Amino acid sequence: MGWSSATTVFTPIAQALIDAGTDDATKRRVLAGLIRGLQQGDWDTEDEALEDLLHDPATVLAFADCGVHLPDRRCCRAVLASDPRQHIKAMRSGDVPEAEIDQALDDYAHQLADRQREHLRSEGYDTGCVCGGCTACLVTEVITLIDPTAPGEG
């Protein structure tokens, strides 16, 4: 018979670490140790605790480190959503066509370039400058490398 009440031990500790602003690496390490200890005591409702804490990527990773996932893998998607680069990498392990991966990478590069352009504008840089040596020119050159199909600034 399993130990479902272990969730009443785990959840308050996890939430206290989250509320205290504990850094992700420490939180992940501490919670993974706690999860393993509770699993040795035959904790059988880890998935319920995980479901309650999906909002915290470090906690989700601690569960993953201990082999705990939700049946529908929402836990994995929750972590990936917080890191677009990892999300793109994870697409390689699934049954995702190469063309879809390429499109996701192109979309991400375009989004990154747009963010950089907007940052230049918000900082008051002349994005139409063509001197080749100022900050705006140098950053625009990098942006063009990231997203060469974007319309020219000016």
N, C-alpha and C. Protein backbone atom coordinates (compact mmCIF):
# COMPACT_ATOMS: atom_id res chain seq x y z
N MET A 1 0.84 -1.19 0.00
CA MET A 1 0.00 0.00 0.00
C MET A 1 0.88 1.24 0.00
N GLY A 2 0.54 2.21 -0.82
CA GLY A 2 1.35 3.41 -0.98
C GLY A 2 1.13 4.43 0.12
N TRP A 3 1.94 5.47 0.05
CA TRP A 3 1.91 6.52 1.05
C TRP A 3 1.46 7.81 0.39
N SER A 4 0.14 8.02 0.31
CA SER A 4 -0.38 9.20 -0.36
C SER A 4 -0.21 10.46 0.48
N SER A 5 -0.10 10.32 1.77
CA SER A 5 0.03 11.50 2.62
C SER A 5 1.41 12.15 2.51
N ALA A 6 2.33 11.55 1.78
CA ALA A 6 3.64 12.17 1.58
C ALA A 6 3.50 13.51 0.87
N THR A 7 2.44 13.67 0.12
CA THR A 7 2.19 14.95 -0.55
C THR A 7 2.03 16.06 0.48
N THR A 8 1.43 15.75 1.63
CA THR A 8 1.26 16.76 2.67
C THR A 8 2.60 17.14 3.31
N VAL A 9 3.61 16.32 3.13
CA VAL A 9 4.96 16.66 3.58
C VAL A 9 5.67 17.46 2.49
N PHE A 10 5.57 16.98 1.25
CA PHE A 10 6.33 17.56 0.15
C PHE A 10 5.84 18.97 -0.23
N THR A 11 4.56 19.12 -0.46
CA THR A 11 4.04 20.37 -1.04
C THR A 11 4.35 21.60 -0.18
N PRO A 12 4.16 21.57 1.15
CA PRO A 12 4.50 22.77 1.92
C PRO A 12 5.99 23.13 1.87
N ILE A 13 6.84 22.11 1.82
CA ILE A 13 8.28 22.39 1.74
C ILE A 13 8.61 23.00 0.38
N ALA A 14 8.09 22.42 -0.68
CA ALA A 14 8.33 22.94 -2.02
C ALA A 14 7.81 24.37 -2.14
N GLN A 15 6.61 24.61 -1.65
CA GLN A 15 6.03 25.94 -1.74
C GLN A 15 6.83 26.95 -0.92
N ALA A 16 7.35 26.54 0.22
CA ALA A 16 8.18 27.43 1.03
C ALA A 16 9.46 27.82 0.29
N LEU A 17 10.06 26.87 -0.40
CA LEU A 17 11.26 27.18 -1.19
C LEU A 17 10.93 28.14 -2.33
N ILE A 18 9.80 27.93 -2.97
CA ILE A 18 9.36 28.82 -4.05
C ILE A 18 9.11 30.21 -3.50
N ASP A 19 8.35 30.29 -2.41
CA ASP A 19 8.00 31.59 -1.82
C ASP A 19 9.22 32.35 -1.30
N ALA A 20 10.23 31.61 -0.84
CA ALA A 20 11.44 32.24 -0.32
C ALA A 20 12.36 32.73 -1.42
N GLY A 21 12.03 32.40 -2.67
CA GLY A 21 12.86 32.83 -3.78
C GLY A 21 14.16 32.06 -3.90
N THR A 22 14.16 30.83 -3.44
CA THR A 22 15.34 29.99 -3.52
C THR A 22 15.75 29.84 -4.99
N ASP A 23 17.06 29.93 -5.25
CA ASP A 23 17.51 29.82 -6.63
C ASP A 23 17.15 28.44 -7.19
N ASP A 24 16.97 28.38 -8.50
CA ASP A 24 16.46 27.18 -9.16
C ASP A 24 17.36 25.96 -8.95
N ALA A 25 18.67 26.14 -9.01
CA ALA A 25 19.58 25.00 -8.87
C ALA A 25 19.46 24.38 -7.48
N THR A 26 19.41 25.21 -6.46
CA THR A 26 19.28 24.72 -5.08
C THR A 26 17.93 24.06 -4.88
N LYS A 27 16.89 24.73 -5.36
CA LYS A 27 15.54 24.19 -5.22
C LYS A 27 15.43 22.82 -5.88
N ARG A 28 15.97 22.71 -7.08
CA ARG A 28 15.92 21.44 -7.82
C ARG A 28 16.66 20.34 -7.05
N ARG A 29 17.84 20.65 -6.55
CA ARG A 29 18.65 19.67 -5.82
C ARG A 29 17.96 19.22 -4.52
N VAL A 30 17.47 20.19 -3.75
CA VAL A 30 16.82 19.88 -2.48
C VAL A 30 15.54 19.08 -2.70
N LEU A 31 14.72 19.52 -3.64
CA LEU A 31 13.45 18.82 -3.87
C LEU A 31 13.65 17.44 -4.48
N ALA A 32 14.66 17.28 -5.33
CA ALA A 32 14.93 15.94 -5.89
C ALA A 32 15.32 14.98 -4.75
N GLY A 33 16.13 15.46 -3.81
CA GLY A 33 16.49 14.63 -2.66
C GLY A 33 15.28 14.26 -1.83
N LEU A 34 14.40 15.23 -1.61
CA LEU A 34 13.18 14.97 -0.84
C LEU A 34 12.27 13.99 -1.59
N ILE A 35 12.13 14.18 -2.88
CA ILE A 35 11.29 13.27 -3.68
C ILE A 35 11.82 11.85 -3.58
N ARG A 36 13.13 11.68 -3.74
CA ARG A 36 13.71 10.34 -3.67
C ARG A 36 13.46 9.70 -2.30
N GLY A 37 13.61 10.49 -1.25
CA GLY A 37 13.36 9.97 0.10
C GLY A 37 11.92 9.55 0.28
N LEU A 38 11.01 10.36 -0.20
CA LEU A 38 9.59 10.02 -0.08
C LEU A 38 9.22 8.82 -0.95
N GLN A 39 9.87 8.70 -2.11
CA GLN A 39 9.63 7.54 -2.97
C GLN A 39 10.09 6.25 -2.28
N GLN A 40 11.16 6.33 -1.54
CA GLN A 40 11.63 5.15 -0.81
C GLN A 40 10.61 4.72 0.24
N GLY A 41 9.82 5.68 0.72
CA GLY A 41 8.75 5.38 1.66
C GLY A 41 7.46 5.00 0.96
N ASP A 42 7.54 4.71 -0.35
CA ASP A 42 6.41 4.24 -1.16
C ASP A 42 5.39 5.34 -1.43
N TRP A 43 5.88 6.55 -1.73
CA TRP A 43 5.01 7.66 -2.11
C TRP A 43 4.35 7.30 -3.42
N ASP A 44 3.04 7.30 -3.46
CA ASP A 44 2.35 6.87 -4.68
C ASP A 44 1.49 7.95 -5.32
N THR A 45 1.61 9.17 -4.84
CA THR A 45 0.82 10.25 -5.45
C THR A 45 1.72 11.41 -5.88
N GLU A 46 2.92 11.08 -6.32
CA GLU A 46 3.84 12.13 -6.76
C GLU A 46 3.23 12.97 -7.88
N ASP A 47 2.50 12.30 -8.76
CA ASP A 47 1.91 13.01 -9.89
C ASP A 47 0.94 14.10 -9.44
N GLU A 48 0.24 13.87 -8.34
CA GLU A 48 -0.68 14.89 -7.83
C GLU A 48 0.09 16.10 -7.32
N ALA A 49 1.20 15.85 -6.62
CA ALA A 49 2.03 16.96 -6.15
C ALA A 49 2.63 17.72 -7.33
N LEU A 50 3.08 16.98 -8.32
CA LEU A 50 3.62 17.61 -9.52
C LEU A 50 2.57 18.49 -10.19
N GLU A 51 1.38 17.98 -10.31
CA GLU A 51 0.28 18.74 -10.93
C GLU A 51 0.07 20.08 -10.21
N ASP A 52 0.16 20.07 -8.88
CA ASP A 52 -0.05 21.29 -8.10
C ASP A 52 1.07 22.31 -8.27
N LEU A 53 2.25 21.85 -8.72
CA LEU A 53 3.42 22.73 -8.78
C LEU A 53 3.95 22.94 -10.20
N LEU A 54 3.10 22.73 -11.19
CA LEU A 54 3.52 22.88 -12.59
C LEU A 54 4.00 24.30 -12.91
N HIS A 55 3.62 25.26 -12.11
CA HIS A 55 3.99 26.65 -12.36
C HIS A 55 5.46 26.94 -12.08
N ASP A 56 6.18 26.01 -11.45
CA ASP A 56 7.57 26.26 -11.09
C ASP A 56 8.50 25.29 -11.85
N PRO A 57 9.20 25.78 -12.88
CA PRO A 57 10.04 24.90 -13.70
C PRO A 57 11.09 24.10 -12.92
N ALA A 58 11.71 24.69 -11.90
CA ALA A 58 12.74 23.96 -11.14
C ALA A 58 12.13 22.77 -10.40
N THR A 59 10.93 22.95 -9.88
CA THR A 59 10.25 21.85 -9.19
C THR A 59 9.88 20.76 -10.19
N VAL A 60 9.39 21.16 -11.34
CA VAL A 60 9.05 20.18 -12.39
C VAL A 60 10.29 19.39 -12.79
N LEU A 61 11.43 20.07 -12.90
CA LEU A 61 12.67 19.38 -13.25
C LEU A 61 13.12 18.43 -12.15
N ALA A 62 12.88 18.81 -10.88
CA ALA A 62 13.22 17.91 -9.77
C ALA A 62 12.42 16.62 -9.88
N PHE A 63 11.15 16.73 -10.21
CA PHE A 63 10.32 15.53 -10.41
C PHE A 63 10.86 14.71 -11.59
N ALA A 64 11.19 15.39 -12.68
CA ALA A 64 11.71 14.68 -13.86
C ALA A 64 13.01 13.95 -13.52
N ASP A 65 13.86 14.58 -12.69
CA ASP A 65 15.11 13.94 -12.27
C ASP A 65 14.85 12.63 -11.54
N CYS A 66 13.67 12.52 -10.96
CA CYS A 66 13.31 11.33 -10.18
C CYS A 66 12.35 10.41 -10.96
N GLY A 67 12.20 10.67 -12.24
CA GLY A 67 11.38 9.81 -13.09
C GLY A 67 9.88 10.02 -12.96
N VAL A 68 9.47 11.18 -12.47
CA VAL A 68 8.05 11.45 -12.29
C VAL A 68 7.58 12.42 -13.38
N HIS A 69 6.59 11.97 -14.14
CA HIS A 69 5.98 12.79 -15.19
C HIS A 69 4.47 12.58 -15.14
N LEU A 70 3.74 13.55 -15.64
CA LEU A 70 2.30 13.37 -15.80
C LEU A 70 2.06 12.52 -17.03
N PRO A 71 1.01 11.73 -17.04
CA PRO A 71 0.75 10.86 -18.19
C PRO A 71 0.66 11.60 -19.52
N ASP A 72 0.14 12.82 -19.50
CA ASP A 72 -0.01 13.59 -20.74
C ASP A 72 1.20 14.48 -21.05
N ARG A 73 2.22 14.40 -20.21
CA ARG A 73 3.49 15.13 -20.38
C ARG A 73 3.33 16.65 -20.32
N ARG A 74 2.26 17.13 -19.70
CA ARG A 74 2.13 18.58 -19.52
C ARG A 74 3.31 19.14 -18.74
N CYS A 75 3.88 18.33 -17.88
CA CYS A 75 5.02 18.77 -17.08
C CYS A 75 6.19 19.14 -18.00
N CYS A 76 6.45 18.32 -18.98
CA CYS A 76 7.55 18.58 -19.91
C CYS A 76 7.28 19.83 -20.72
N ARG A 77 6.05 19.99 -21.19
CA ARG A 77 5.70 21.18 -21.96
C ARG A 77 5.79 22.44 -21.11
N ALA A 78 5.47 22.34 -19.81
CA ALA A 78 5.55 23.50 -18.93
C ALA A 78 6.99 23.98 -18.80
N VAL A 79 7.92 23.05 -18.69
CA VAL A 79 9.33 23.42 -18.60
C VAL A 79 9.80 23.99 -19.93
N LEU A 80 9.44 23.34 -21.01
CA LEU A 80 9.88 23.80 -22.32
C LEU A 80 9.33 25.17 -22.67
N ALA A 81 8.13 25.47 -22.22
CA ALA A 81 7.52 26.77 -22.53
C ALA A 81 8.32 27.91 -21.91
N SER A 82 9.03 27.63 -20.83
CA SER A 82 9.82 28.67 -20.19
C SER A 82 11.16 28.89 -20.89
N ASP A 83 11.52 28.03 -21.83
CA ASP A 83 12.79 28.14 -22.54
C ASP A 83 12.59 27.79 -24.01
N PRO A 84 12.30 28.79 -24.85
CA PRO A 84 12.01 28.51 -26.27
C PRO A 84 13.12 27.73 -26.97
N ARG A 85 14.36 27.99 -26.62
CA ARG A 85 15.46 27.29 -27.27
C ARG A 85 15.39 25.79 -26.97
N GLN A 86 15.13 25.44 -25.71
CA GLN A 86 15.00 24.03 -25.34
C GLN A 86 13.78 23.40 -26.01
N HIS A 87 12.72 24.20 -26.15
CA HIS A 87 11.51 23.70 -26.79
C HIS A 87 11.82 23.28 -28.23
N ILE A 88 12.57 24.12 -28.91
CA ILE A 88 12.95 23.80 -30.28
C ILE A 88 13.81 22.54 -30.32
N LYS A 89 14.76 22.44 -29.40
CA LYS A 89 15.62 21.25 -29.35
C LYS A 89 14.80 19.99 -29.08
N ALA A 90 13.81 20.11 -28.22
CA ALA A 90 12.99 18.94 -27.86
C ALA A 90 12.18 18.44 -29.04
N MET A 91 11.92 19.31 -29.99
CA MET A 91 11.15 18.89 -31.16
C MET A 91 11.88 17.79 -31.92
N ARG A 92 13.20 17.75 -31.83
CA ARG A 92 13.99 16.74 -32.54
C ARG A 92 13.71 15.34 -32.04
N SER A 93 13.35 15.20 -30.78
CA SER A 93 13.14 13.86 -30.22
C SER A 93 11.75 13.31 -30.51
N GLY A 94 10.86 14.15 -30.99
CA GLY A 94 9.50 13.69 -31.28
C GLY A 94 9.34 13.36 -32.75
N ASP A 95 8.13 13.11 -33.12
CA ASP A 95 7.82 12.83 -34.52
C ASP A 95 7.45 14.13 -35.22
N VAL A 96 8.39 15.06 -35.23
CA VAL A 96 8.15 16.36 -35.83
C VAL A 96 8.93 16.42 -37.14
N PRO A 97 8.25 16.75 -38.22
CA PRO A 97 8.95 16.83 -39.52
C PRO A 97 10.05 17.89 -39.49
N GLU A 98 11.12 17.62 -40.21
CA GLU A 98 12.26 18.54 -40.27
C GLU A 98 11.83 19.93 -40.72
N ALA A 99 10.89 20.01 -41.66
CA ALA A 99 10.41 21.31 -42.14
C ALA A 99 9.77 22.12 -41.02
N GLU A 100 9.06 21.46 -40.13
CA GLU A 100 8.43 22.17 -39.01
C GLU A 100 9.48 22.70 -38.04
N ILE A 101 10.52 21.92 -37.82
CA ILE A 101 11.62 22.36 -36.96
C ILE A 101 12.31 23.57 -37.59
N ASP A 102 12.60 23.48 -38.89
CA ASP A 102 13.22 24.60 -39.59
C ASP A 102 12.38 25.86 -39.48
N GLN A 103 11.07 25.72 -39.64
CA GLN A 103 10.19 26.88 -39.55
C GLN A 103 10.20 27.46 -38.14
N ALA A 104 10.20 26.60 -37.13
CA ALA A 104 10.25 27.07 -35.74
C ALA A 104 11.54 27.83 -35.47
N LEU A 105 12.64 27.34 -35.99
CA LEU A 105 13.93 28.04 -35.82
C LEU A 105 13.91 29.38 -36.54
N ASP A 106 13.39 29.42 -37.76
CA ASP A 106 13.30 30.69 -38.49
C ASP A 106 12.41 31.68 -37.76
N ASP A 107 11.29 31.21 -37.25
CA ASP A 107 10.37 32.08 -36.50
C ASP A 107 11.04 32.64 -35.26
N TYR A 108 11.78 31.79 -34.57
CA TYR A 108 12.46 32.23 -33.35
C TYR A 108 13.54 33.26 -33.68
N ALA A 109 14.30 33.04 -34.75
CA ALA A 109 15.33 33.99 -35.16
C ALA A 109 14.70 35.34 -35.52
N HIS A 110 13.60 35.29 -36.25
CA HIS A 110 12.90 36.52 -36.62
C HIS A 110 12.41 37.26 -35.37
N GLN A 111 11.85 36.52 -34.43
CA GLN A 111 11.38 37.13 -33.18
C GLN A 111 12.54 37.78 -32.42
N LEU A 112 13.67 37.10 -32.36
CA LEU A 112 14.84 37.64 -31.67
C LEU A 112 15.31 38.92 -32.36
N ALA A 113 15.38 38.91 -33.68
CA ALA A 113 15.79 40.10 -34.41
C ALA A 113 14.82 41.26 -34.18
N ASP A 114 13.53 40.98 -34.20
CA ASP A 114 12.53 42.03 -33.94
C ASP A 114 12.71 42.63 -32.55
N ARG A 115 12.98 41.77 -31.57
CA ARG A 115 13.19 42.27 -30.20
C ARG A 115 14.42 43.19 -30.14
N GLN A 116 15.47 42.81 -30.83
CA GLN A 116 16.67 43.63 -30.82
C GLN A 116 16.45 44.96 -31.53
N ARG A 117 15.73 44.94 -32.63
CA ARG A 117 15.41 46.19 -33.33
C ARG A 117 14.60 47.12 -32.43
N GLU A 118 13.60 46.55 -31.77
CA GLU A 118 12.77 47.35 -30.88
C GLU A 118 13.58 47.92 -29.72
N HIS A 119 14.51 47.13 -29.21
CA HIS A 119 15.37 47.61 -28.12
C HIS A 119 16.21 48.80 -28.59
N LEU A 120 16.78 48.71 -29.79
CA LEU A 120 17.55 49.84 -30.32
C LEU A 120 16.69 51.09 -30.40
N ARG A 121 15.48 50.93 -30.95
CA ARG A 121 14.58 52.09 -31.06
C ARG A 121 14.24 52.68 -29.70
N SER A 122 13.94 51.79 -28.74
CA SER A 122 13.55 52.27 -27.41
C SER A 122 14.69 52.98 -26.68
N GLU A 123 15.92 52.64 -27.05
CA GLU A 123 17.09 53.29 -26.45
C GLU A 123 17.48 54.56 -27.19
N GLY A 124 16.73 54.89 -28.25
CA GLY A 124 16.96 56.13 -28.98
C GLY A 124 18.03 56.06 -30.06
N TYR A 125 18.46 54.87 -30.43
CA TYR A 125 19.46 54.74 -31.49
C TYR A 125 18.84 55.00 -32.86
N ASP A 126 19.64 55.56 -33.75
CA ASP A 126 19.22 55.81 -35.12
C ASP A 126 19.40 54.52 -35.91
N THR A 127 18.33 53.79 -36.12
CA THR A 127 18.43 52.51 -36.81
C THR A 127 18.62 52.67 -38.32
N GLY A 128 18.58 53.89 -38.79
CA GLY A 128 18.80 54.14 -40.21
C GLY A 128 20.24 54.56 -40.51
N CYS A 129 21.06 54.66 -39.50
CA CYS A 129 22.45 55.08 -39.68
C CYS A 129 23.21 54.04 -40.50
N VAL A 130 24.12 54.51 -41.34
CA VAL A 130 24.91 53.59 -42.18
C VAL A 130 26.41 53.87 -42.07
N CYS A 131 26.85 54.49 -40.98
CA CYS A 131 28.26 54.84 -40.85
C CYS A 131 29.15 53.61 -40.71
N GLY A 132 28.59 52.53 -40.19
CA GLY A 132 29.34 51.29 -40.06
C GLY A 132 30.13 51.14 -38.78
N GLY A 133 30.20 52.15 -37.96
CA GLY A 133 31.01 52.06 -36.75
C GLY A 133 30.29 52.32 -35.44
N CYS A 134 29.12 52.93 -35.50
CA CYS A 134 28.40 53.22 -34.26
C CYS A 134 27.69 51.97 -33.73
N THR A 135 27.21 52.05 -32.50
CA THR A 135 26.52 50.92 -31.88
C THR A 135 25.32 50.46 -32.70
N ALA A 136 24.54 51.41 -33.18
CA ALA A 136 23.35 51.05 -33.97
C ALA A 136 23.74 50.29 -35.22
N CYS A 137 24.80 50.71 -35.89
CA CYS A 137 25.24 50.02 -37.11
C CYS A 137 25.74 48.62 -36.80
N LEU A 138 26.53 48.50 -35.75
CA LEU A 138 27.07 47.19 -35.40
C LEU A 138 25.97 46.22 -34.99
N VAL A 139 25.04 46.69 -34.17
CA VAL A 139 23.95 45.82 -33.73
C VAL A 139 23.05 45.47 -34.91
N THR A 140 22.79 46.43 -35.79
CA THR A 140 21.97 46.16 -36.97
C THR A 140 22.63 45.11 -37.85
N GLU A 141 23.95 45.15 -37.95
CA GLU A 141 24.67 44.14 -38.73
C GLU A 141 24.47 42.75 -38.14
N VAL A 142 24.53 42.65 -36.82
CA VAL A 142 24.30 41.37 -36.15
C VAL A 142 22.86 40.92 -36.35
N ILE A 143 21.93 41.84 -36.23
CA ILE A 143 20.52 41.51 -36.44
C ILE A 143 20.31 40.97 -37.85
N THR A 144 20.97 41.56 -38.83
CA THR A 144 20.84 41.11 -40.21
C THR A 144 21.40 39.70 -40.38
N LEU A 145 22.46 39.38 -39.63
CA LEU A 145 22.99 38.01 -39.67
C LEU A 145 21.97 37.02 -39.09
N ILE A 146 21.28 37.44 -38.03
CA ILE A 146 20.29 36.58 -37.38
C ILE A 146 19.08 36.38 -38.29
N ASP A 147 18.65 37.47 -38.91
CA ASP A 147 17.41 37.45 -39.68
C ASP A 147 17.63 38.19 -41.01
N PRO A 148 18.32 37.57 -41.97
CA PRO A 148 18.66 38.26 -43.20
C PRO A 148 17.47 38.58 -44.10
N THR A 149 16.33 37.95 -43.87
CA THR A 149 15.18 38.21 -44.74
C THR A 149 14.31 39.34 -44.24
N ALA A 150 14.66 39.92 -43.10
CA ALA A 150 13.87 41.01 -42.55
C ALA A 150 14.01 42.25 -43.43
N PRO A 151 12.95 43.06 -43.47
CA PRO A 151 13.03 44.28 -44.27
C PRO A 151 14.10 45.19 -43.70
N GLY A 152 14.78 45.93 -44.55
CA GLY A 152 15.83 46.84 -44.10
C GLY A 152 15.28 47.96 -43.26
N GLU A 153 16.10 48.44 -42.35
CA GLU A 153 15.72 49.57 -41.50
C GLU A 153 16.09 50.86 -42.22
N GLY A 154 15.42 51.90 -41.92
CA GLY A 154 15.83 53.16 -42.50
C GLY A 154 14.69 54.05 -42.67
